[in-house]
């Protein structure tokens, strides 16, 4: 991805792994994901990665909303719930700051831990936190 001839690349992952098979110990609705970025500062050059959970957590489903827990709040955020500054645009920073606490809260209510990640990290994004992802109402 770093070799693409683009200004910025944003990767969003809400992984789904069935865990099927007779010996599976995966909880029903689990959506496991593992990600490792060797050097987050290098990733900051032109790649931002948002994941549904940390590398040690399970990305869970949200059956009541017919989505993954992360995906549900990701979409709600893009629809305008994350437009904190009311400029009719949702940036990567606004989206992450909206969905991370929502996902953590609902996961906790379901006796799970799920912490969305933003790599290289909101504090290392500098001006990339303001990359617009969508226009509200369009």
N, C-alpha and C. Protein backbone atom coordinates (compact mmCIF):
# COMPACT_ATOMS: atom_id res chain seq x y z
N UNK A 1 0.82 -1.21 0.00
CA UNK A 1 0.00 0.00 0.00
C UNK A 1 0.85 1.26 0.00
N UNK A 2 2.00 1.20 0.68
CA UNK A 2 2.87 2.37 0.75
C UNK A 2 3.43 2.75 -0.62
N UNK A 3 3.43 1.82 -1.55
CA UNK A 3 3.97 2.09 -2.88
C UNK A 3 2.94 2.66 -3.85
N UNK A 4 1.69 2.74 -3.45
CA UNK A 4 0.67 3.34 -4.32
C UNK A 4 0.99 4.80 -4.57
N UNK A 5 0.73 5.26 -5.75
CA UNK A 5 0.99 6.65 -6.12
C UNK A 5 -0.22 7.52 -5.74
N UNK A 6 -0.48 7.59 -4.44
CA UNK A 6 -1.58 8.39 -3.93
C UNK A 6 -1.07 9.23 -2.77
N UNK A 7 -1.79 10.29 -2.48
CA UNK A 7 -1.38 11.17 -1.39
C UNK A 7 -1.54 10.47 -0.04
N UNK A 8 -2.69 9.87 0.20
CA UNK A 8 -2.98 9.19 1.46
C UNK A 8 -3.75 7.91 1.21
N UNK A 9 -3.50 6.91 2.05
CA UNK A 9 -4.24 5.65 2.01
C UNK A 9 -4.83 5.42 3.40
N UNK A 10 -6.11 5.16 3.46
CA UNK A 10 -6.77 4.86 4.72
C UNK A 10 -7.29 3.44 4.64
N UNK A 11 -6.86 2.61 5.60
CA UNK A 11 -7.26 1.21 5.66
C UNK A 11 -8.16 1.04 6.88
N UNK A 12 -9.34 0.47 6.66
CA UNK A 12 -10.29 0.23 7.75
C UNK A 12 -10.58 -1.26 7.78
N UNK A 13 -10.42 -1.88 8.96
CA UNK A 13 -10.60 -3.33 9.06
C UNK A 13 -11.54 -3.71 10.21
N UNK A 14 -12.58 -4.41 9.86
CA UNK A 14 -13.43 -5.07 10.84
C UNK A 14 -13.44 -6.53 10.40
N UNK A 15 -12.50 -7.27 10.90
CA UNK A 15 -12.25 -8.62 10.43
C UNK A 15 -13.32 -9.59 10.89
N UNK A 16 -13.62 -10.53 10.02
CA UNK A 16 -14.57 -11.58 10.36
C UNK A 16 -13.93 -12.93 10.06
N UNK A 17 -13.88 -13.78 11.06
CA UNK A 17 -13.34 -15.13 10.91
C UNK A 17 -14.35 -16.07 11.52
N UNK A 18 -14.81 -17.03 10.75
CA UNK A 18 -15.93 -17.86 11.19
C UNK A 18 -15.60 -18.72 12.39
N UNK A 19 -14.34 -19.14 12.54
CA UNK A 19 -14.00 -20.02 13.64
C UNK A 19 -14.70 -21.36 13.53
N UNK A 20 -15.13 -21.70 12.31
CA UNK A 20 -15.89 -22.93 12.13
C UNK A 20 -14.98 -24.14 12.26
N UNK A 21 -15.59 -25.23 12.53
CA UNK A 21 -14.83 -26.47 12.70
C UNK A 21 -15.14 -27.05 14.06
N UNK A 22 -15.03 -28.34 14.16
CA UNK A 22 -15.40 -29.05 15.38
C UNK A 22 -14.59 -28.66 16.60
N UNK A 23 -13.37 -28.20 16.42
CA UNK A 23 -12.52 -27.90 17.56
C UNK A 23 -12.47 -26.40 17.86
N UNK A 24 -13.25 -25.62 17.21
CA UNK A 24 -13.18 -24.18 17.40
C UNK A 24 -13.61 -23.79 18.81
N UNK A 25 -12.88 -22.86 19.39
CA UNK A 25 -13.25 -22.32 20.70
C UNK A 25 -13.74 -20.89 20.56
N UNK A 26 -13.95 -20.45 19.32
CA UNK A 26 -14.40 -19.10 19.06
C UNK A 26 -15.84 -18.93 19.53
N UNK A 27 -16.06 -17.86 20.27
CA UNK A 27 -17.41 -17.55 20.70
C UNK A 27 -18.27 -17.19 19.51
N UNK A 28 -19.55 -17.55 19.58
CA UNK A 28 -20.47 -17.20 18.51
C UNK A 28 -20.48 -15.69 18.32
N UNK A 29 -20.35 -15.27 17.07
CA UNK A 29 -20.36 -13.84 16.77
C UNK A 29 -18.99 -13.19 16.87
N UNK A 30 -17.97 -13.96 17.25
CA UNK A 30 -16.63 -13.41 17.35
C UNK A 30 -16.08 -13.06 15.98
N UNK A 31 -15.28 -12.02 15.89
CA UNK A 31 -14.71 -11.56 14.63
C UNK A 31 -13.22 -11.28 14.87
N UNK A 32 -12.41 -12.34 15.06
CA UNK A 32 -11.02 -12.11 15.46
C UNK A 32 -10.18 -11.43 14.39
N UNK A 33 -9.24 -10.63 14.86
CA UNK A 33 -8.35 -9.90 13.98
C UNK A 33 -7.02 -9.73 14.70
N UNK A 34 -5.95 -9.82 13.96
CA UNK A 34 -4.63 -9.52 14.52
C UNK A 34 -3.91 -8.63 13.53
N UNK A 35 -3.32 -7.57 14.03
CA UNK A 35 -2.57 -6.66 13.18
C UNK A 35 -1.33 -6.22 13.93
N UNK A 36 -0.26 -6.09 13.21
CA UNK A 36 0.99 -5.64 13.80
C UNK A 36 1.66 -4.69 12.82
N UNK A 37 1.92 -3.48 13.27
CA UNK A 37 2.63 -2.51 12.45
C UNK A 37 4.02 -2.38 13.04
N UNK A 38 5.04 -2.73 12.26
CA UNK A 38 6.40 -2.74 12.77
C UNK A 38 6.84 -1.37 13.26
N UNK A 39 6.53 -0.33 12.52
CA UNK A 39 6.95 1.01 12.90
C UNK A 39 5.82 1.98 12.57
N UNK A 40 5.02 2.37 13.57
CA UNK A 40 3.90 3.26 13.31
C UNK A 40 4.31 4.59 12.69
N UNK A 41 5.49 5.09 12.97
CA UNK A 41 5.92 6.35 12.39
C UNK A 41 6.10 6.20 10.88
N UNK A 42 6.64 5.05 10.43
CA UNK A 42 6.76 4.82 9.00
C UNK A 42 5.39 4.76 8.35
N UNK A 43 4.44 4.14 9.03
CA UNK A 43 3.09 4.04 8.48
C UNK A 43 2.46 5.41 8.32
N UNK A 44 2.88 6.38 9.11
CA UNK A 44 2.28 7.71 9.09
C UNK A 44 2.59 8.48 7.81
N UNK A 45 3.56 8.04 7.04
CA UNK A 45 3.93 8.79 5.83
C UNK A 45 2.74 8.97 4.90
N UNK A 46 2.04 7.90 4.57
CA UNK A 46 0.87 8.05 3.71
C UNK A 46 -0.21 7.01 4.01
N UNK A 47 -0.08 6.29 5.12
CA UNK A 47 -1.07 5.27 5.46
C UNK A 47 -1.59 5.49 6.87
N UNK A 48 -2.90 5.45 6.99
CA UNK A 48 -3.57 5.46 8.28
C UNK A 48 -4.39 4.17 8.34
N UNK A 49 -4.27 3.46 9.45
CA UNK A 49 -4.99 2.19 9.61
C UNK A 49 -5.92 2.31 10.81
N UNK A 50 -7.20 2.01 10.61
CA UNK A 50 -8.16 1.96 11.70
C UNK A 50 -8.67 0.52 11.80
N UNK A 51 -8.53 -0.06 12.98
CA UNK A 51 -8.97 -1.44 13.17
C UNK A 51 -10.07 -1.50 14.22
N UNK A 52 -10.83 -2.56 14.17
CA UNK A 52 -11.96 -2.73 15.07
C UNK A 52 -11.56 -3.02 16.50
N UNK A 53 -10.36 -3.59 16.68
CA UNK A 53 -9.93 -4.00 18.02
C UNK A 53 -8.41 -4.04 18.07
N UNK A 54 -7.89 -4.12 19.27
CA UNK A 54 -6.44 -4.28 19.41
C UNK A 54 -6.08 -5.70 18.98
N UNK A 55 -4.80 -5.95 18.83
CA UNK A 55 -4.33 -7.26 18.37
C UNK A 55 -4.61 -8.39 19.33
N UNK A 56 -4.97 -8.09 20.57
CA UNK A 56 -5.24 -9.13 21.56
C UNK A 56 -6.73 -9.28 21.85
N UNK A 57 -7.57 -8.54 21.14
CA UNK A 57 -9.00 -8.57 21.39
C UNK A 57 -9.77 -9.15 20.21
N UNK A 58 -10.99 -9.54 20.47
CA UNK A 58 -11.88 -10.06 19.43
C UNK A 58 -12.78 -8.92 18.95
N UNK A 59 -12.90 -8.83 17.65
CA UNK A 59 -13.83 -7.88 17.04
C UNK A 59 -15.20 -8.54 17.01
N UNK A 60 -16.13 -8.00 17.78
CA UNK A 60 -17.40 -8.68 17.97
C UNK A 60 -18.50 -8.20 17.03
N UNK A 61 -19.50 -9.04 16.93
CA UNK A 61 -20.66 -8.70 16.11
C UNK A 61 -21.65 -7.88 16.94
N UNK A 62 -22.60 -7.28 16.26
CA UNK A 62 -23.66 -6.50 16.89
C UNK A 62 -24.96 -6.97 16.24
N UNK A 63 -25.42 -8.18 16.62
CA UNK A 63 -26.56 -8.80 15.93
C UNK A 63 -27.83 -7.94 15.92
N UNK A 64 -28.03 -7.15 16.98
CA UNK A 64 -29.22 -6.30 17.04
C UNK A 64 -29.24 -5.29 15.90
N UNK A 65 -28.06 -4.91 15.43
CA UNK A 65 -27.95 -3.92 14.37
C UNK A 65 -27.53 -4.54 13.04
N UNK A 66 -27.34 -5.85 13.03
CA UNK A 66 -27.01 -6.61 11.81
C UNK A 66 -25.69 -6.16 11.18
N UNK A 67 -24.71 -5.87 12.04
CA UNK A 67 -23.38 -5.47 11.61
C UNK A 67 -22.37 -5.94 12.65
N UNK A 68 -21.11 -5.76 12.35
CA UNK A 68 -20.10 -5.85 13.39
C UNK A 68 -20.25 -4.62 14.26
N UNK A 69 -19.83 -4.71 15.51
CA UNK A 69 -19.94 -3.59 16.43
C UNK A 69 -19.19 -2.37 15.90
N UNK A 70 -17.98 -2.57 15.44
CA UNK A 70 -17.17 -1.49 14.88
C UNK A 70 -17.82 -0.92 13.63
N UNK A 71 -18.24 -1.78 12.72
CA UNK A 71 -18.83 -1.34 11.45
C UNK A 71 -20.08 -0.50 11.69
N UNK A 72 -20.90 -0.89 12.65
CA UNK A 72 -22.12 -0.15 12.94
C UNK A 72 -21.79 1.31 13.29
N UNK A 73 -20.86 1.50 14.22
CA UNK A 73 -20.53 2.87 14.63
C UNK A 73 -19.69 3.60 13.58
N UNK A 74 -18.92 2.87 12.79
CA UNK A 74 -18.20 3.48 11.68
C UNK A 74 -19.20 4.10 10.70
N UNK A 75 -20.23 3.35 10.34
CA UNK A 75 -21.23 3.85 9.40
C UNK A 75 -22.06 4.99 9.99
N UNK A 76 -22.44 4.86 11.27
CA UNK A 76 -23.18 5.94 11.94
C UNK A 76 -22.35 7.22 11.96
N UNK A 77 -21.05 7.06 12.21
CA UNK A 77 -20.17 8.21 12.22
C UNK A 77 -20.10 8.89 10.87
N UNK A 78 -19.97 8.09 9.80
CA UNK A 78 -19.93 8.66 8.45
C UNK A 78 -21.24 9.33 8.07
N UNK A 79 -22.34 8.86 8.65
CA UNK A 79 -23.64 9.46 8.35
C UNK A 79 -23.83 10.80 9.05
N UNK A 80 -22.89 11.19 9.90
CA UNK A 80 -22.98 12.51 10.52
C UNK A 80 -22.83 12.53 12.03
N UNK A 81 -22.99 11.39 12.69
CA UNK A 81 -22.88 11.38 14.15
C UNK A 81 -21.49 11.80 14.63
N UNK A 82 -20.46 11.66 13.79
CA UNK A 82 -19.09 12.01 14.17
C UNK A 82 -18.72 13.44 13.77
N UNK A 83 -19.62 14.16 13.16
CA UNK A 83 -19.31 15.53 12.71
C UNK A 83 -19.37 16.48 13.90
N UNK A 84 -18.39 16.40 14.77
CA UNK A 84 -18.38 17.17 16.01
C UNK A 84 -18.31 18.67 15.77
N UNK A 85 -17.57 19.11 14.77
CA UNK A 85 -17.43 20.55 14.54
C UNK A 85 -18.51 21.11 13.61
N UNK A 86 -19.44 20.27 13.20
CA UNK A 86 -20.62 20.68 12.41
C UNK A 86 -20.24 21.40 11.11
N UNK A 87 -19.17 20.92 10.45
CA UNK A 87 -18.77 21.52 9.17
C UNK A 87 -19.28 20.72 7.98
N UNK A 88 -20.17 19.78 8.24
CA UNK A 88 -20.77 18.90 7.22
C UNK A 88 -19.76 17.97 6.57
N UNK A 89 -18.64 17.71 7.25
CA UNK A 89 -17.64 16.75 6.79
C UNK A 89 -17.17 15.95 7.99
N UNK A 90 -16.86 14.69 7.76
CA UNK A 90 -16.36 13.83 8.83
C UNK A 90 -14.91 13.49 8.52
N UNK A 91 -14.02 13.86 9.43
CA UNK A 91 -12.59 13.56 9.25
C UNK A 91 -12.24 12.24 9.94
N UNK A 92 -11.07 11.72 9.63
CA UNK A 92 -10.62 10.48 10.26
C UNK A 92 -10.51 10.65 11.77
N UNK A 93 -10.04 11.82 12.20
CA UNK A 93 -9.93 12.09 13.64
C UNK A 93 -11.29 12.13 14.32
N UNK A 94 -12.23 12.84 13.70
CA UNK A 94 -13.58 12.90 14.27
C UNK A 94 -14.21 11.51 14.33
N UNK A 95 -14.04 10.75 13.25
CA UNK A 95 -14.64 9.42 13.20
C UNK A 95 -14.09 8.52 14.30
N UNK A 96 -12.77 8.51 14.45
CA UNK A 96 -12.17 7.67 15.48
C UNK A 96 -12.60 8.13 16.88
N UNK A 97 -12.59 9.44 17.11
CA UNK A 97 -12.98 9.97 18.42
C UNK A 97 -14.45 9.71 18.73
N UNK A 98 -15.27 9.52 17.72
CA UNK A 98 -16.67 9.16 17.91
C UNK A 98 -16.83 7.66 18.17
N UNK A 99 -16.27 6.83 17.29
CA UNK A 99 -16.59 5.41 17.37
C UNK A 99 -15.87 4.66 18.47
N UNK A 100 -14.64 5.05 18.81
CA UNK A 100 -13.88 4.30 19.82
C UNK A 100 -14.62 4.20 21.15
N UNK A 101 -15.10 5.32 21.73
CA UNK A 101 -15.82 5.18 23.00
C UNK A 101 -17.15 4.44 22.86
N UNK A 102 -17.82 4.60 21.72
CA UNK A 102 -19.09 3.89 21.50
C UNK A 102 -18.87 2.38 21.48
N UNK A 103 -17.87 1.94 20.73
CA UNK A 103 -17.56 0.51 20.62
C UNK A 103 -17.16 -0.04 21.98
N UNK A 104 -16.29 0.66 22.68
CA UNK A 104 -15.85 0.20 24.00
C UNK A 104 -17.03 0.07 24.96
N UNK A 105 -17.93 1.05 24.93
CA UNK A 105 -19.09 1.06 25.83
C UNK A 105 -20.01 -0.14 25.57
N UNK A 106 -20.39 -0.35 24.33
CA UNK A 106 -21.31 -1.45 24.01
C UNK A 106 -20.63 -2.80 24.27
N UNK A 107 -19.35 -2.91 23.94
CA UNK A 107 -18.63 -4.16 24.20
C UNK A 107 -18.63 -4.45 25.69
N UNK A 108 -18.40 -3.43 26.51
CA UNK A 108 -18.39 -3.62 27.96
C UNK A 108 -19.75 -4.07 28.46
N UNK A 109 -20.82 -3.51 27.89
CA UNK A 109 -22.18 -3.93 28.27
C UNK A 109 -22.41 -5.40 27.95
N UNK A 110 -21.69 -5.93 26.97
CA UNK A 110 -21.81 -7.33 26.56
C UNK A 110 -20.72 -8.19 27.22
N UNK A 111 -20.08 -7.64 28.26
CA UNK A 111 -19.02 -8.33 29.00
C UNK A 111 -17.85 -8.72 28.11
N UNK A 112 -17.50 -7.83 27.20
CA UNK A 112 -16.37 -8.04 26.30
C UNK A 112 -15.48 -6.81 26.34
N UNK A 113 -14.28 -6.97 25.83
CA UNK A 113 -13.38 -5.83 25.66
C UNK A 113 -13.09 -5.68 24.18
N UNK A 114 -13.32 -4.48 23.66
CA UNK A 114 -13.01 -4.19 22.27
C UNK A 114 -12.60 -2.73 22.19
N UNK A 115 -11.35 -2.51 21.78
CA UNK A 115 -10.78 -1.18 21.73
C UNK A 115 -10.31 -0.88 20.31
N UNK A 116 -11.08 -0.12 19.54
CA UNK A 116 -10.63 0.24 18.20
C UNK A 116 -9.27 0.92 18.25
N UNK A 117 -8.48 0.70 17.21
CA UNK A 117 -7.13 1.24 17.14
C UNK A 117 -7.00 2.16 15.93
N UNK A 118 -6.22 3.20 16.08
CA UNK A 118 -5.89 4.09 14.98
C UNK A 118 -4.37 4.14 14.91
N UNK A 119 -3.84 3.63 13.83
CA UNK A 119 -2.39 3.57 13.66
C UNK A 119 -1.98 4.54 12.58
N UNK A 120 -1.06 5.37 12.83
CA UNK A 120 -0.03 5.30 13.85
C UNK A 120 -0.47 5.82 15.21
N UNK A 121 -1.64 6.29 15.39
CA UNK A 121 -2.13 6.84 16.65
C UNK A 121 -2.56 8.27 16.43
N UNK A 122 -3.62 8.65 17.10
CA UNK A 122 -4.19 9.98 16.91
C UNK A 122 -3.16 11.07 17.20
N UNK A 123 -2.28 10.83 18.16
CA UNK A 123 -1.27 11.83 18.53
C UNK A 123 -0.16 11.94 17.49
N UNK A 124 0.03 10.92 16.65
CA UNK A 124 1.07 10.94 15.63
C UNK A 124 0.56 11.30 14.24
N UNK A 125 -0.74 11.49 14.13
CA UNK A 125 -1.33 11.75 12.81
C UNK A 125 -1.03 13.15 12.28
N UNK A 126 -0.75 14.07 13.15
CA UNK A 126 -0.52 15.47 12.77
C UNK A 126 -1.70 15.95 11.92
N UNK A 127 -1.45 16.42 10.71
CA UNK A 127 -2.54 16.97 9.89
C UNK A 127 -3.40 15.89 9.26
N UNK A 128 -3.00 14.63 9.31
CA UNK A 128 -3.80 13.56 8.71
C UNK A 128 -5.10 13.32 9.49
N UNK A 129 -5.17 13.74 10.74
CA UNK A 129 -6.39 13.58 11.52
C UNK A 129 -7.54 14.35 10.90
N UNK A 130 -7.23 15.34 10.08
CA UNK A 130 -8.27 16.16 9.45
C UNK A 130 -8.61 15.71 8.03
N UNK A 131 -8.09 14.56 7.60
CA UNK A 131 -8.42 14.04 6.28
C UNK A 131 -9.92 13.80 6.23
N UNK A 132 -10.64 14.46 5.32
CA UNK A 132 -12.08 14.23 5.24
C UNK A 132 -12.38 12.86 4.65
N UNK A 133 -13.30 12.15 5.28
CA UNK A 133 -13.72 10.84 4.79
C UNK A 133 -15.04 10.91 4.05
N UNK A 134 -15.82 11.88 4.35
CA UNK A 134 -17.12 11.99 3.70
C UNK A 134 -17.78 13.30 4.02
N UNK A 135 -18.78 13.63 3.24
CA UNK A 135 -19.56 14.83 3.43
C UNK A 135 -20.93 14.41 3.93
N UNK A 136 -21.34 14.96 5.04
CA UNK A 136 -22.60 14.63 5.66
C UNK A 136 -23.74 15.14 4.80
N UNK A 137 -24.73 14.28 4.57
CA UNK A 137 -25.91 14.68 3.82
C UNK A 137 -25.77 14.57 2.32
N UNK A 138 -24.64 14.08 1.82
CA UNK A 138 -24.44 13.96 0.37
C UNK A 138 -24.61 12.54 -0.06
